[in-house]
């Protein structure tokens, strides 16, 4: 599992220029988010309304990240003639 680290401005700029780096950054972020959501889901606080709301927000973000990752994969796929 990847460990969370803040993304730097240099990394963001590199992600804008390099599609492969962008995909890796998205995939790593999604992995960290999913691992965190899993830990939260398994915690004793999961039934707490505040925690449950954070889990819902995290799931929505995970969906957005997955869609972005899919879009980058689709853009990189060779086009049929």
N, C-alpha and C. Protein backbone atom coordinates (compact mmCIF):
# COMPACT_ATOMS: atom_id res chain seq x y z
N UNK A 1 0.84 -1.17 0.00
CA UNK A 1 0.00 0.00 0.00
C UNK A 1 0.89 1.24 0.00
N UNK A 2 0.49 2.21 -0.77
CA UNK A 2 1.23 3.47 -0.82
C UNK A 2 0.96 4.28 0.44
N UNK A 3 1.94 5.04 0.86
CA UNK A 3 1.77 5.88 2.04
C UNK A 3 1.42 7.28 1.57
N UNK A 4 0.54 7.95 2.31
CA UNK A 4 0.08 9.28 1.92
C UNK A 4 1.20 10.30 2.06
N UNK A 5 1.35 11.09 1.04
CA UNK A 5 2.26 12.23 1.07
C UNK A 5 1.62 13.33 0.24
N UNK A 6 1.71 14.54 0.71
CA UNK A 6 1.14 15.66 -0.03
C UNK A 6 1.79 15.75 -1.41
N UNK A 7 0.98 16.04 -2.40
CA UNK A 7 1.47 16.20 -3.76
C UNK A 7 2.04 17.61 -3.89
N UNK A 8 3.23 17.70 -4.45
CA UNK A 8 3.89 18.99 -4.59
C UNK A 8 3.48 19.66 -5.90
N UNK A 9 3.75 20.94 -5.99
CA UNK A 9 3.48 21.69 -7.22
C UNK A 9 4.28 21.10 -8.38
N UNK A 10 5.52 20.69 -8.11
CA UNK A 10 6.35 20.08 -9.16
C UNK A 10 5.72 18.79 -9.68
N UNK A 11 5.16 17.99 -8.77
CA UNK A 11 4.50 16.75 -9.19
C UNK A 11 3.26 17.04 -10.01
N UNK A 12 2.50 18.05 -9.61
CA UNK A 12 1.31 18.42 -10.38
C UNK A 12 1.70 18.88 -11.79
N UNK A 13 2.74 19.67 -11.87
CA UNK A 13 3.20 20.14 -13.18
C UNK A 13 3.67 18.96 -14.04
N UNK A 14 4.40 18.05 -13.43
CA UNK A 14 4.86 16.86 -14.15
C UNK A 14 3.67 16.02 -14.61
N UNK A 15 2.65 15.89 -13.78
CA UNK A 15 1.46 15.12 -14.13
C UNK A 15 0.73 15.75 -15.33
N UNK A 16 0.79 17.06 -15.45
CA UNK A 16 0.17 17.74 -16.59
C UNK A 16 0.91 17.43 -17.89
N UNK A 17 2.21 17.20 -17.79
CA UNK A 17 3.04 16.96 -18.97
C UNK A 17 3.16 15.49 -19.34
N UNK A 18 3.13 14.60 -18.33
CA UNK A 18 3.43 13.19 -18.56
C UNK A 18 2.22 12.31 -18.19
N UNK A 19 1.53 11.80 -19.20
CA UNK A 19 0.34 10.99 -18.93
C UNK A 19 0.62 9.77 -18.05
N UNK A 20 1.75 9.12 -18.22
CA UNK A 20 2.06 7.93 -17.42
C UNK A 20 2.24 8.30 -15.94
N UNK A 21 2.90 9.42 -15.68
CA UNK A 21 3.07 9.89 -14.30
C UNK A 21 1.71 10.27 -13.71
N UNK A 22 0.84 10.89 -14.52
CA UNK A 22 -0.51 11.26 -14.08
C UNK A 22 -1.28 10.01 -13.65
N UNK A 23 -1.20 8.94 -14.46
CA UNK A 23 -1.88 7.70 -14.12
C UNK A 23 -1.35 7.12 -12.81
N UNK A 24 -0.04 7.15 -12.62
CA UNK A 24 0.55 6.62 -11.39
C UNK A 24 0.11 7.44 -10.18
N UNK A 25 0.10 8.75 -10.32
CA UNK A 25 -0.33 9.61 -9.23
C UNK A 25 -1.79 9.35 -8.86
N UNK A 26 -2.64 9.21 -9.87
CA UNK A 26 -4.05 8.90 -9.62
C UNK A 26 -4.22 7.54 -8.97
N UNK A 27 -3.51 6.54 -9.48
CA UNK A 27 -3.62 5.18 -8.94
C UNK A 27 -3.13 5.12 -7.50
N UNK A 28 -2.01 5.78 -7.21
CA UNK A 28 -1.49 5.80 -5.84
C UNK A 28 -2.47 6.49 -4.89
N UNK A 29 -3.05 7.60 -5.35
CA UNK A 29 -4.02 8.33 -4.52
C UNK A 29 -5.25 7.47 -4.26
N UNK A 30 -5.71 6.77 -5.27
CA UNK A 30 -6.87 5.90 -5.10
C UNK A 30 -6.56 4.77 -4.12
N UNK A 31 -5.39 4.18 -4.22
CA UNK A 31 -4.99 3.11 -3.30
C UNK A 31 -5.00 3.59 -1.85
N UNK A 32 -4.43 4.75 -1.62
CA UNK A 32 -4.37 5.31 -0.26
C UNK A 32 -5.78 5.59 0.25
N UNK A 33 -6.61 6.18 -0.60
CA UNK A 33 -7.98 6.50 -0.20
C UNK A 33 -8.77 5.23 0.13
N UNK A 34 -8.66 4.22 -0.70
CA UNK A 34 -9.39 2.97 -0.44
C UNK A 34 -8.92 2.29 0.84
N UNK A 35 -7.63 2.30 1.09
CA UNK A 35 -7.11 1.71 2.32
C UNK A 35 -7.62 2.48 3.54
N UNK A 36 -7.65 3.79 3.44
CA UNK A 36 -8.15 4.60 4.54
C UNK A 36 -9.63 4.35 4.78
N UNK A 37 -10.41 4.29 3.69
CA UNK A 37 -11.84 4.01 3.82
C UNK A 37 -12.08 2.64 4.45
N UNK A 38 -11.28 1.67 4.08
CA UNK A 38 -11.42 0.33 4.66
C UNK A 38 -11.14 0.35 6.15
N UNK A 39 -10.09 1.06 6.56
CA UNK A 39 -9.79 1.18 7.99
C UNK A 39 -10.94 1.87 8.73
N UNK A 40 -11.47 2.92 8.12
CA UNK A 40 -12.58 3.65 8.75
C UNK A 40 -13.81 2.75 8.86
N UNK A 41 -14.09 2.00 7.82
CA UNK A 41 -15.26 1.13 7.79
C UNK A 41 -15.17 0.06 8.87
N UNK A 42 -13.97 -0.40 9.14
CA UNK A 42 -13.77 -1.46 10.14
C UNK A 42 -13.58 -0.92 11.55
N UNK A 43 -13.58 0.39 11.71
CA UNK A 43 -13.37 0.95 13.04
C UNK A 43 -14.67 0.94 13.84
N UNK A 44 -14.53 1.11 15.13
CA UNK A 44 -15.69 1.14 16.02
C UNK A 44 -16.53 2.40 15.80
N UNK A 45 -15.92 3.42 15.22
CA UNK A 45 -16.62 4.68 15.00
C UNK A 45 -17.42 4.70 13.70
N UNK A 46 -17.38 3.64 12.91
CA UNK A 46 -18.03 3.62 11.59
C UNK A 46 -19.51 3.97 11.66
N UNK A 47 -20.18 3.63 12.77
CA UNK A 47 -21.61 3.91 12.91
C UNK A 47 -21.87 5.35 13.34
N UNK A 48 -20.85 6.04 13.80
CA UNK A 48 -20.98 7.44 14.20
C UNK A 48 -21.38 8.27 12.98
N UNK A 49 -22.38 9.14 13.10
CA UNK A 49 -22.85 9.90 11.94
C UNK A 49 -21.76 10.74 11.26
N UNK A 50 -20.86 11.31 12.03
CA UNK A 50 -19.78 12.11 11.44
C UNK A 50 -18.85 11.21 10.63
N UNK A 51 -18.46 10.09 11.20
CA UNK A 51 -17.58 9.14 10.51
C UNK A 51 -18.27 8.57 9.27
N UNK A 52 -19.55 8.23 9.41
CA UNK A 52 -20.30 7.69 8.28
C UNK A 52 -20.36 8.71 7.14
N UNK A 53 -20.51 9.98 7.48
CA UNK A 53 -20.52 11.03 6.46
C UNK A 53 -19.17 11.15 5.77
N UNK A 54 -18.10 11.03 6.54
CA UNK A 54 -16.76 11.08 5.96
C UNK A 54 -16.52 9.89 5.04
N UNK A 55 -17.03 8.73 5.43
CA UNK A 55 -16.89 7.55 4.57
C UNK A 55 -17.64 7.77 3.26
N UNK A 56 -18.85 8.32 3.33
CA UNK A 56 -19.62 8.60 2.11
C UNK A 56 -18.87 9.58 1.20
N UNK A 57 -18.32 10.63 1.80
CA UNK A 57 -17.54 11.59 1.02
C UNK A 57 -16.33 10.92 0.38
N UNK A 58 -15.68 10.05 1.14
CA UNK A 58 -14.52 9.33 0.62
C UNK A 58 -14.89 8.42 -0.53
N UNK A 59 -16.03 7.77 -0.44
CA UNK A 59 -16.49 6.89 -1.52
C UNK A 59 -16.76 7.71 -2.78
N UNK A 60 -17.39 8.88 -2.61
CA UNK A 60 -17.64 9.75 -3.77
C UNK A 60 -16.32 10.18 -4.42
N UNK A 61 -15.34 10.52 -3.59
CA UNK A 61 -14.04 10.90 -4.12
C UNK A 61 -13.36 9.72 -4.81
N UNK A 62 -13.48 8.54 -4.24
CA UNK A 62 -12.89 7.34 -4.86
C UNK A 62 -13.50 7.10 -6.24
N UNK A 63 -14.80 7.32 -6.37
CA UNK A 63 -15.45 7.16 -7.68
C UNK A 63 -14.90 8.16 -8.67
N UNK A 64 -14.73 9.41 -8.24
CA UNK A 64 -14.18 10.44 -9.13
C UNK A 64 -12.75 10.09 -9.55
N UNK A 65 -11.95 9.64 -8.60
CA UNK A 65 -10.57 9.24 -8.93
C UNK A 65 -10.56 8.07 -9.91
N UNK A 66 -11.44 7.09 -9.69
CA UNK A 66 -11.51 5.94 -10.58
C UNK A 66 -11.94 6.37 -11.99
N UNK A 67 -12.88 7.31 -12.08
CA UNK A 67 -13.30 7.82 -13.38
C UNK A 67 -12.16 8.56 -14.08
N UNK A 68 -11.40 9.35 -13.32
CA UNK A 68 -10.26 10.05 -13.90
C UNK A 68 -9.21 9.06 -14.39
N UNK A 69 -8.97 8.03 -13.59
CA UNK A 69 -8.00 7.01 -13.97
C UNK A 69 -8.44 6.29 -15.24
N UNK A 70 -9.73 5.97 -15.33
CA UNK A 70 -10.27 5.31 -16.52
C UNK A 70 -10.14 6.24 -17.73
N UNK A 71 -10.41 7.52 -17.56
CA UNK A 71 -10.30 8.48 -18.67
C UNK A 71 -8.87 8.57 -19.18
N UNK A 72 -7.89 8.51 -18.27
CA UNK A 72 -6.50 8.56 -18.72
C UNK A 72 -6.13 7.28 -19.45
N UNK A 73 -6.67 6.16 -18.99
CA UNK A 73 -6.40 4.87 -19.67
C UNK A 73 -7.05 4.87 -21.05
N UNK A 74 -8.28 5.39 -21.15
CA UNK A 74 -8.97 5.46 -22.45
C UNK A 74 -8.22 6.37 -23.41
N UNK A 75 -7.69 7.48 -22.92
CA UNK A 75 -6.97 8.41 -23.77
C UNK A 75 -5.66 7.81 -24.28
N UNK A 76 -5.06 6.92 -23.49
CA UNK A 76 -3.80 6.31 -23.86
C UNK A 76 -3.98 5.10 -24.78
N UNK A 77 -5.21 4.56 -24.83
CA UNK A 77 -5.45 3.36 -25.64
C UNK A 77 -5.35 3.71 -27.12
N UNK A 78 -4.78 2.80 -27.92
CA UNK A 78 -4.69 3.05 -29.36
C UNK A 78 -6.08 3.10 -29.97
N UNK A 79 -6.24 4.01 -30.90
CA UNK A 79 -7.53 4.18 -31.58
C UNK A 79 -7.65 3.18 -32.73
N UNK A 80 -8.86 2.61 -32.88
CA UNK A 80 -9.11 1.69 -34.00
C UNK A 80 -9.18 2.47 -35.30
N UNK A 81 -8.71 1.85 -36.36
CA UNK A 81 -8.68 2.55 -37.66
C UNK A 81 -9.99 2.51 -38.35
